Structures are given as structure tokens and as C-alpha cells.
């Protein structure tokens, strides 16, 4: 289990120069290309998103009154409530319209053809993240704190901290974990392919 704290996020400019994203983790860490990346972006003005052809994008509203995403060749979608999630092709020409002031969003990008399954949930009871071969599981507190427990130990996550669970066995564990959170908290859960193993 790897924990990335909110305080350690690295600020980097958008590819198109239109804003700043705070990179949480990139795999691999170096180079322009990546297999997958998690970041938190501040959207201060309406405008186009950067082109990420070759990637699948998952976006979650973390703060603000919402955005409308207008796609070239696909129906628009709106994120208006905390935890609302949208998934779309990074190759689509995408224009972001702020609905009522600046917003902050979580972004997960996964290189094709690898797949990712993600959701935002209120956990009414402890949630098992199973060990899956060649998969990585991500746990991110959208609101409220949460606990992640696995064979390697137990970690407490404050809002916007990220836990990464891998089944590659490098830490002596199989990657399975149990996530516990207050039922009022929102938790982002994702499982994605990891071709490094």
C-alpha cells in the first residue's frame, strides 16, 4: 500500500497552457507518456481541455458549483454535485463551461487499451477491494476521512489523500484491502490495468 498525501501533490501546467493541475501520481514517474495518472485540477475559467488522445479520462467534481462538458461528436454532460463523475475519450475535443464560478476536479487518465472501472460511493459498511492480478486499486477521499486496511497495515486518509493498492507482491501482500468510512463521506474507488507486472 502506497499513500500519497494532499500536501505532496506537484503543480504542473496544463498541456494547452490554460491552467494548473496538481499531479498526485504518474506511472511511470518520468517522461511525457504515462500508463496512468491521477491529478487534481483547478478550473478558474471556461475553455477547452487539453488533448489527451490515446487516453481514457475519468473526472470527478471535488469543489465548486459545477461544470458542463461539451464534446465534439458526443452529447454534453454536467457535473453539478460533489462526487459527480464523467468518463470520456481524451481524444474528443472537449470544452468546459463553468456553471457558477471556479471548480476543482479529480482526474484519472488511463492509456488505451487498458481499462479502468471507477465509482464514487457512500460506504454504508466496510468495502472490500479484492486482489486482482495485474490490477491497481485506488482509494481517494472526496469528502471526509477514511481508513484503508491491508496485510501491510492500516492507514488513515484525510480528504484528498490517495491510497494505491497493487497485487504485484512487491510489498509482500496480495493487494486486497478493506476500506471503512463514515456513511456521510464520499469515496472514489477505481480499479485499473497495470501492464508493469
Foldseek 3Di string as FASTA:
>chain_A
DDKFAPVPFCWDAAPVRQFIKTWRAFVVRDDDDGQKTKIKTKDFAWFWHDQDAQKKKKKFWQDDQWKWKDWDPDHIDIHGDHGDMDIDGSRTTITIHHPPGMTMMMMMIGGPPKDKDKGKAQDPDKDKDDQDPQKKKKKAWSAFKKWKQFPLGIDIGGHGMMDIFHCPCPSVGRRMIIMGGHSVTIMMMMMIGHVPD
